[in-house]
């Protein structure tokens, strides 16, 4: 079982009123709304960090071979229509 702790937040009154309206429309409590928002924030941050690690690993070790063909600068920039 996950242990839960209370957290005290100081928020602007107008923000609290608007958040309560959103919570009521979603048929949930303000506590649940805040909890879900923080969970989404943490999960998104963790997924972003994982994606960054995979991207960096992929840059170090390419997943595919391009081949042995080598071109000279002249061959790459050869444009017969301009000759």
C-alpha atoms as a PDB file:
ATOM      1  CA  UNK A   1       0.000   0.000   0.000  1.00  0.00           C
ATOM      2  CA  UNK A   2       1.268   3.457  -0.932  1.00  0.00           C
ATOM      3  CA  UNK A   3       1.530   5.774   2.025  1.00  0.00           C
ATOM      4  CA  UNK A   4      -0.244   9.108   1.514  1.00  0.00           C
ATOM      5  CA  UNK A   5       0.687  12.385   3.135  1.00  0.00           C
ATOM      6  CA  UNK A   6      -1.134  15.684   3.380  1.00  0.00           C
ATOM      7  CA  UNK A   7       0.208  18.693   1.537  1.00  0.00           C
ATOM      8  CA  UNK A   8      -0.706  22.300   2.214  1.00  0.00           C
ATOM      9  CA  UNK A   9      -0.858  24.636  -0.774  1.00  0.00           C
ATOM     10  CA  UNK A  10      -1.325  28.382  -0.879  1.00  0.00           C
ATOM     11  CA  UNK A  11      -3.266  29.344  -4.022  1.00  0.00           C
ATOM     12  CA  UNK A  12      -5.087  32.451  -5.175  1.00  0.00           C
ATOM     13  CA  UNK A  13      -8.773  32.387  -4.224  1.00  0.00           C
ATOM     14  CA  UNK A  14      -9.875  32.931  -7.830  1.00  0.00           C
ATOM     15  CA  UNK A  15      -7.803  29.961  -8.979  1.00  0.00           C
ATOM     16  CA  UNK A  16      -9.328  27.751  -6.290  1.00  0.00           C
ATOM     17  CA  UNK A  17     -12.875  28.742  -7.297  1.00  0.00           C
ATOM     18  CA  UNK A  18     -12.179  28.001 -10.968  1.00  0.00           C
ATOM     19  CA  UNK A  19     -10.527  24.675 -10.101  1.00  0.00           C
ATOM     20  CA  UNK A  20     -13.522  23.676  -7.957  1.00  0.00           C
ATOM     21  CA  UNK A  21     -15.842  24.385 -10.881  1.00  0.00           C
ATOM     22  CA  UNK A  22     -13.704  22.156 -13.130  1.00  0.00           C
ATOM     23  CA  UNK A  23     -13.650  19.433 -10.481  1.00  0.00           C
ATOM     24  CA  UNK A  24     -17.444  19.613 -10.110  1.00  0.00           C
ATOM     25  CA  UNK A  25     -17.931  19.362 -13.884  1.00  0.00           C
ATOM     26  CA  UNK A  26     -15.719  16.279 -13.865  1.00  0.00           C
ATOM     27  CA  UNK A  27     -17.603  14.873 -10.870  1.00  0.00           C
ATOM     28  CA  UNK A  28     -14.492  14.631  -8.752  1.00  0.00           C
ATOM     29  CA  UNK A  29     -12.926  16.447  -5.827  1.00  0.00           C
ATOM     30  CA  UNK A  30     -10.401  19.235  -5.961  1.00  0.00           C
ATOM     31  CA  UNK A  31      -7.954  16.922  -4.192  1.00  0.00           C
ATOM     32  CA  UNK A  32      -8.362  14.271  -6.905  1.00  0.00           C
ATOM     33  CA  UNK A  33      -7.989  16.888  -9.627  1.00  0.00           C
ATOM     34  CA  UNK A  34      -4.737  18.186  -8.114  1.00  0.00           C
ATOM     35  CA  UNK A  35      -3.457  14.659  -7.462  1.00  0.00           C
ATOM     36  CA  UNK A  36      -4.091  13.606 -11.075  1.00  0.00           C
ATOM     37  CA  UNK A  37      -2.473  16.768 -12.420  1.00  0.00           C
ATOM     38  CA  UNK A  38       0.685  16.179 -10.383  1.00  0.00           C
ATOM     39  CA  UNK A  39       0.751  12.484 -11.365  1.00  0.00           C
ATOM     40  CA  UNK A  40       0.455  13.476 -15.051  1.00  0.00           C
ATOM     41  CA  UNK A  41       3.252  16.018 -14.623  1.00  0.00           C
ATOM     42  CA  UNK A  42       5.578  13.473 -12.994  1.00  0.00           C
ATOM     43  CA  UNK A  43       4.737  10.717 -15.499  1.00  0.00           C
ATOM     44  CA  UNK A  44       5.276  13.071 -18.443  1.00  0.00           C
ATOM     45  CA  UNK A  45       8.611  14.196 -17.049  1.00  0.00           C
ATOM     46  CA  UNK A  46       9.740  10.585 -16.566  1.00  0.00           C
ATOM     47  CA  UNK A  47       8.658   9.630 -20.116  1.00  0.00           C
ATOM     48  CA  UNK A  48      10.507  12.630 -21.506  1.00  0.00           C
ATOM     49  CA  UNK A  49      13.674  11.643 -19.614  1.00  0.00           C
ATOM     50  CA  UNK A  50      13.406   8.058 -20.939  1.00  0.00           C
ATOM     51  CA  UNK A  51      12.961   9.316 -24.500  1.00  0.00           C
ATOM     52  CA  UNK A  52      15.990  11.588 -24.102  1.00  0.00           C
ATOM     53  CA  UNK A  53      18.103   8.642 -22.876  1.00  0.00           C
ATOM     54  CA  UNK A  54      16.959   6.465 -25.825  1.00  0.00           C
ATOM     55  CA  UNK A  55      17.736   9.270 -28.271  1.00  0.00           C
ATOM     56  CA  UNK A  56      21.224   9.775 -26.841  1.00  0.00           C
ATOM     57  CA  UNK A  57      21.898   6.019 -26.912  1.00  0.00           C
ATOM     58  CA  UNK A  58      20.734   5.880 -30.530  1.00  0.00           C
ATOM     59  CA  UNK A  59      23.120   8.675 -31.442  1.00  0.00           C
ATOM     60  CA  UNK A  60      26.041   6.755 -29.962  1.00  0.00           C
ATOM     61  CA  UNK A  61      25.103   3.461 -31.636  1.00  0.00           C
ATOM     62  CA  UNK A  62      23.328   3.852 -34.988  1.00  0.00           C
ATOM     63  CA  UNK A  63      20.613   1.246 -35.578  1.00  0.00           C
ATOM     64  CA  UNK A  64      21.365   0.783 -39.275  1.00  0.00           C
ATOM     65  CA  UNK A  65      24.207   0.725 -41.793  1.00  0.00           C
ATOM     66  CA  UNK A  66      24.189   3.160 -44.681  1.00  0.00           C
ATOM     67  CA  UNK A  67      26.570   1.110 -46.803  1.00  0.00           C
ATOM     68  CA  UNK A  68      30.068   1.299 -48.212  1.00  0.00           C
ATOM     69  CA  UNK A  69      29.419   3.762 -51.035  1.00  0.00           C
ATOM     70  CA  UNK A  70      31.506   6.903 -50.788  1.00  0.00           C
ATOM     71  CA  UNK A  71      30.922   9.965 -52.926  1.00  0.00           C
ATOM     72  CA  UNK A  72      33.251  12.834 -53.643  1.00  0.00           C
ATOM     73  CA  UNK A  73      32.122  16.397 -53.115  1.00  0.00           C
ATOM     74  CA  UNK A  74      32.001  16.860 -56.872  1.00  0.00           C
ATOM     75  CA  UNK A  75      29.753  13.799 -57.342  1.00  0.00           C
ATOM     76  CA  UNK A  76      27.363  14.975 -54.641  1.00  0.00           C
ATOM     77  CA  UNK A  77      27.086  18.408 -56.205  1.00  0.00           C
ATOM     78  CA  UNK A  78      27.078  17.280 -59.827  1.00  0.00           C
ATOM     79  CA  UNK A  79      24.103  18.828 -61.576  1.00  0.00           C
ATOM     80  CA  UNK A  80      24.073  17.837 -65.257  1.00  0.00           C
ATOM     81  CA  UNK A  81      21.338  20.344 -66.088  1.00  0.00           C
ATOM     82  CA  UNK A  82      23.814  23.159 -65.318  1.00  0.00           C
ATOM     83  CA  UNK A  83      26.624  21.910 -67.647  1.00  0.00           C
END
